Amino acid sequence: MSGNTYVKVLPKHGYVELEAFAGGDLSVVNSARVSFSKRSVGYTLSDSKLLRFLMRERHGTPFEHNHMRFRCRTPIFVFWDWKRHRIASYNVESARYVQMRPDYYIPEFARGQVGKPGDYKFVQLPDFQTKWLQSSLDEFCRDGISRYHYAVNIGIAKEQARLFLPMNFFVEFIFSVNARSLMNFLSLRNDSNAIYEIQEYAKALEGLWGRVMPDTAKAFIENGRVAP
């Protein structure tokens, strides 16, 4: 694994880091070729054609024989959307055991919601709504931090003190996943219909994945971003 494995996401506190990786484009085709007791030593044009056949025809299991472990830091509301994907393994920072850092997310712009349930569109609102949202959130979060620290200082357990902290506070977690499951995540979350914040994290994940499995990532895009 070479190159930059760390990407900043959202203002100030968010990031995605690829901590560990095993497998690659070659692992995909060798996982398929084992059906015929065959193996490639180096990745060739023939292997690239086979990988695209597997992607196009949705032969998905060969894309599972690899592993990526990401360390991520997101607002809590992003993490809960993220964790709906039950195709990966997660471990998360526990506010029962550690004192939460005073890091919270303030959106760069306010969004308006237009349309009917199931068919919402979101539009950027004028500056006065954005300024009100930003200043109100900042005030709200500062008050929550103050009450949180006071609760801890007077002996209230962290698991109860954390109730003063809103959903835009940042939390750190480990996200372990294979390429097939990651493609499923990306097809839904690196998409204009996903919430803006998780789109930003999905873009970062896709960029890091593309560095270690470049031909698989390219074939995924060529195939209309459909997970095999």
Protein backbone atom coordinates (compact mmCIF):
# COMPACT_ATOMS: atom_id res chain seq x y z
CA MET A 1 0.00 0.00 0.00
CA SER A 2 1.63 3.23 -1.12
CA GLY A 3 0.76 6.91 -1.36
CA ASN A 4 -1.45 9.04 0.86
CA THR A 5 -3.91 6.93 2.85
CA TYR A 6 -5.52 9.80 4.80
CA VAL A 7 -8.22 12.16 3.53
CA LYS A 8 -9.76 15.09 5.42
CA VAL A 9 -13.56 15.20 5.18
CA LEU A 10 -15.89 18.01 6.31
CA PRO A 11 -14.55 21.12 8.07
CA LYS A 12 -11.90 20.68 10.79
CA HIS A 13 -12.54 17.30 12.38
CA GLY A 14 -13.62 14.62 9.88
CA TYR A 15 -11.38 12.17 8.07
CA VAL A 16 -11.05 8.74 6.46
CA GLU A 17 -7.82 6.74 6.77
CA LEU A 18 -7.04 3.42 5.08
CA GLU A 19 -5.17 1.64 7.88
CA ALA A 20 -4.72 -1.79 6.31
CA PHE A 21 -5.33 -3.57 3.02
CA ALA A 22 -4.99 -7.16 1.74
CA GLY A 23 -5.74 -8.44 -1.73
CA GLY A 24 -6.13 -6.46 -4.94
CA ASP A 25 -7.25 -6.70 -8.55
CA LEU A 26 -5.29 -9.92 -8.94
CA SER A 27 -7.07 -11.48 -5.96
CA VAL A 28 -10.39 -11.00 -7.78
CA VAL A 29 -9.44 -12.95 -10.89
CA ASN A 30 -7.56 -15.63 -8.96
CA SER A 31 -10.62 -16.16 -6.77
CA ALA A 32 -12.62 -16.78 -9.95
CA ARG A 33 -9.98 -18.94 -11.64
CA VAL A 34 -9.76 -21.32 -8.70
CA SER A 35 -12.99 -22.83 -10.08
CA PHE A 36 -10.81 -24.25 -12.87
CA SER A 37 -7.78 -24.84 -10.63
CA LYS A 38 -5.98 -21.94 -12.37
CA ARG A 39 -3.98 -18.99 -11.07
CA SER A 40 -2.39 -15.83 -12.50
CA VAL A 41 0.97 -14.66 -11.18
CA GLY A 42 0.87 -11.14 -12.60
CA TYR A 43 -2.10 -8.98 -13.57
CA THR A 44 -2.47 -9.02 -17.37
CA LEU A 45 -4.84 -7.73 -20.04
CA SER A 46 -6.55 -11.13 -19.97
CA ASP A 47 -7.11 -10.70 -16.23
CA SER A 48 -8.58 -7.23 -16.80
CA LYS A 49 -11.04 -8.66 -19.34
CA LEU A 50 -12.04 -11.42 -16.91
CA LEU A 51 -12.55 -8.89 -14.10
CA ARG A 52 -14.90 -6.88 -16.32
CA PHE A 53 -16.82 -10.00 -17.25
CA LEU A 54 -17.26 -10.80 -13.55
CA MET A 55 -18.41 -7.24 -12.85
CA ARG A 56 -20.78 -7.09 -15.83
CA GLU A 57 -22.37 -10.49 -15.21
CA ARG A 58 -22.54 -9.83 -11.45
CA HIS A 59 -20.44 -12.78 -10.37
CA GLY A 60 -19.93 -11.15 -7.02
CA THR A 61 -18.10 -13.56 -4.73
CA PRO A 62 -14.63 -13.14 -6.33
CA PHE A 63 -14.78 -9.50 -5.22
CA GLU A 64 -15.07 -10.57 -1.57
CA HIS A 65 -11.58 -12.07 -1.17
CA ASN A 66 -9.83 -8.90 -0.06
CA HIS A 67 -9.94 -6.72 3.01
CA MET A 68 -9.82 -3.00 3.79
CA ARG A 69 -9.75 -1.49 7.26
CA PHE A 70 -10.63 2.19 7.48
CA ARG A 71 -10.46 4.49 10.49
CA CYS A 72 -13.10 7.19 10.16
CA ARG A 73 -14.28 10.21 12.10
CA THR A 74 -17.75 11.49 11.31
CA PRO A 75 -20.61 13.34 12.98
CA ILE A 76 -22.79 10.92 14.92
CA PHE A 77 -25.73 11.36 12.54
CA VAL A 78 -23.49 10.31 9.62
CA PHE A 79 -22.27 7.25 11.52
CA TRP A 80 -25.83 6.07 12.18
CA ASP A 81 -26.71 6.33 8.50
CA TRP A 82 -23.44 4.57 7.66
CA LYS A 83 -24.03 1.72 10.11
CA ARG A 84 -27.28 0.80 8.35
CA HIS A 85 -25.00 -1.06 5.92
CA ARG A 86 -24.78 -4.45 7.64
CA ILE A 87 -22.21 -5.67 5.12
CA ALA A 88 -19.17 -4.64 7.11
CA SER A 89 -17.65 -4.82 10.59
CA TYR A 90 -17.68 -1.86 12.97
CA ASN A 91 -16.11 -0.83 16.25
CA VAL A 92 -16.84 2.65 17.55
CA GLU A 93 -15.49 5.07 20.14
CA SER A 94 -17.58 4.65 23.29
CA ALA A 95 -18.80 7.67 25.19
CA ARG A 96 -19.39 5.33 28.14
CA TYR A 97 -15.62 4.96 28.59
CA VAL A 98 -13.95 8.09 27.21
CA GLN A 99 -14.74 11.75 27.61
CA MET A 100 -16.00 13.10 24.30
CA ARG A 101 -13.85 15.67 22.54
CA PRO A 102 -15.52 19.07 22.03
CA ASP A 103 -15.60 18.68 18.24
CA TYR A 104 -18.82 19.28 16.38
CA TYR A 105 -19.96 19.82 12.80
CA ILE A 106 -21.35 23.11 11.53
CA PRO A 107 -22.71 22.88 7.95
CA GLU A 108 -21.20 25.17 5.34
CA PHE A 109 -24.67 26.00 4.05
CA ALA A 110 -28.33 25.51 5.01
CA ARG A 111 -30.47 23.16 2.90
CA GLY A 112 -34.16 23.42 2.13
CA GLN A 113 -36.31 20.31 1.59
CA VAL A 114 -38.67 20.30 -1.38
CA GLY A 115 -41.04 17.58 -2.57
CA LYS A 116 -43.01 14.61 -1.29
CA PRO A 117 -41.85 11.78 1.02
CA GLY A 118 -39.67 9.40 -0.96
CA ASP A 119 -38.97 12.04 -3.61
CA TYR A 120 -37.34 14.90 -1.73
CA LYS A 121 -34.97 17.34 -3.37
CA PHE A 122 -32.63 19.52 -1.36
CA VAL A 123 -31.63 23.04 -2.34
CA GLN A 124 -29.10 25.45 -0.94
CA LEU A 125 -30.80 28.29 0.95
CA PRO A 126 -29.82 31.98 0.99
CA ASP A 127 -27.17 33.33 3.32
CA PHE A 128 -29.48 34.50 6.10
CA GLN A 129 -30.77 30.96 6.77
CA THR A 130 -27.21 29.62 6.67
CA LYS A 131 -25.96 32.25 9.11
CA TRP A 132 -28.87 31.59 11.47
CA LEU A 133 -28.29 27.81 11.31
CA GLN A 134 -24.56 28.15 11.92
CA SER A 135 -24.81 30.60 14.81
CA SER A 136 -27.67 28.71 16.47
CA LEU A 137 -25.91 25.36 16.19
CA ASP A 138 -22.69 26.81 17.55
CA GLU A 139 -24.52 28.28 20.56
CA PHE A 140 -26.44 25.05 21.12
CA CYS A 141 -23.29 22.91 20.97
CA ARG A 142 -21.30 25.17 23.27
CA ASP A 143 -24.10 24.96 25.82
CA GLY A 144 -24.17 21.16 25.47
CA ILE A 145 -20.40 20.93 25.99
CA SER A 146 -20.62 23.10 29.08
CA ARG A 147 -23.40 20.99 30.59
CA TYR A 148 -21.61 17.76 29.60
CA HIS A 149 -18.38 18.78 31.35
CA TYR A 150 -20.27 20.02 34.41
CA ALA A 151 -22.16 16.71 34.66
CA VAL A 152 -18.90 14.72 34.48
CA ASN A 153 -17.21 16.99 37.02
CA ILE A 154 -19.98 16.49 39.59
CA GLY A 155 -19.74 12.73 39.24
CA ILE A 156 -22.46 11.84 36.74
CA ALA A 157 -21.46 8.82 34.64
CA LYS A 158 -20.23 9.57 31.11
CA GLU A 159 -22.99 7.38 29.70
CA GLN A 160 -25.55 9.82 31.08
CA ALA A 161 -23.55 13.01 30.67
CA ARG A 162 -23.32 12.35 26.93
CA LEU A 163 -27.06 12.94 26.66
CA PHE A 164 -26.26 16.65 26.57
CA LEU A 165 -24.34 16.25 23.31
CA PRO A 166 -26.23 16.57 20.01
CA MET A 167 -25.97 14.38 16.91
CA ASN A 168 -23.46 16.64 15.15
CA PHE A 169 -20.61 15.72 17.52
CA PHE A 170 -17.82 13.71 15.95
CA VAL A 171 -17.19 10.06 16.75
CA GLU A 172 -14.36 7.78 15.65
CA PHE A 173 -14.85 4.24 14.36
CA ILE A 174 -13.28 1.34 12.47
CA PHE A 175 -14.95 0.21 9.24
CA SER A 176 -13.73 -3.12 7.82
CA VAL A 177 -15.09 -4.20 4.46
CA ASN A 178 -14.38 -6.12 1.26
CA ALA A 179 -14.61 -4.64 -2.23
CA ARG A 180 -18.01 -6.13 -3.06
CA SER A 181 -19.57 -4.70 0.09
CA LEU A 182 -17.80 -1.39 -0.41
CA MET A 183 -19.22 -1.14 -3.94
CA ASN A 184 -22.70 -1.65 -2.52
CA PHE A 185 -22.04 1.18 -0.06
CA LEU A 186 -20.63 3.46 -2.74
CA SER A 187 -23.45 2.83 -5.21
CA LEU A 188 -25.88 4.21 -2.61
CA ARG A 189 -23.83 6.78 -0.70
CA ASN A 190 -21.64 8.31 -3.40
CA ASP A 191 -24.82 9.31 -5.15
CA SER A 192 -26.63 12.61 -5.46
CA ASN A 193 -29.66 11.21 -3.58
CA ALA A 194 -27.64 10.51 -0.42
CA ILE A 195 -27.26 13.17 2.26
CA TYR A 196 -24.47 15.60 1.44
CA GLU A 197 -22.29 14.72 4.42
CA ILE A 198 -22.17 10.97 3.80
CA GLN A 199 -21.54 11.64 0.09
CA GLU A 200 -18.36 13.44 1.10
CA TYR A 201 -17.17 10.43 3.10
CA ALA A 202 -18.12 8.02 0.30
CA LYS A 203 -16.04 10.06 -2.16
CA ALA A 204 -13.06 9.81 0.18
CA LEU A 205 -13.53 6.04 0.59
CA GLU A 206 -13.80 5.58 -3.17
CA GLY A 207 -10.63 7.56 -3.78
CA LEU A 208 -8.63 5.49 -1.28
CA TRP A 209 -10.05 2.21 -2.60
CA GLY A 210 -9.14 3.24 -6.14
CA ARG A 211 -5.48 3.48 -5.13
CA VAL A 212 -5.28 -0.15 -4.01
CA MET A 213 -7.72 -1.78 -6.46
CA PRO A 214 -7.54 0.59 -9.44
CA ASP A 215 -8.88 -1.74 -12.14
CA THR A 216 -11.76 -2.96 -9.99
CA ALA A 217 -12.70 0.65 -9.21
CA LYS A 218 -12.51 1.55 -12.90
CA ALA A 219 -14.66 -1.44 -13.90
CA PHE A 220 -17.22 -0.48 -11.23
CA ILE A 221 -17.58 2.97 -12.79
CA GLU A 222 -17.72 1.54 -16.32
CA ASN A 223 -20.49 -0.81 -15.23
CA GLY A 224 -22.74 2.04 -14.12
CA ARG A 225 -21.68 1.90 -10.45
CA VAL A 226 -23.71 -1.27 -9.89
CA ALA A 227 -22.28 -3.62 -7.23
CA PRO A 228 -21.78 -7.17 -8.54
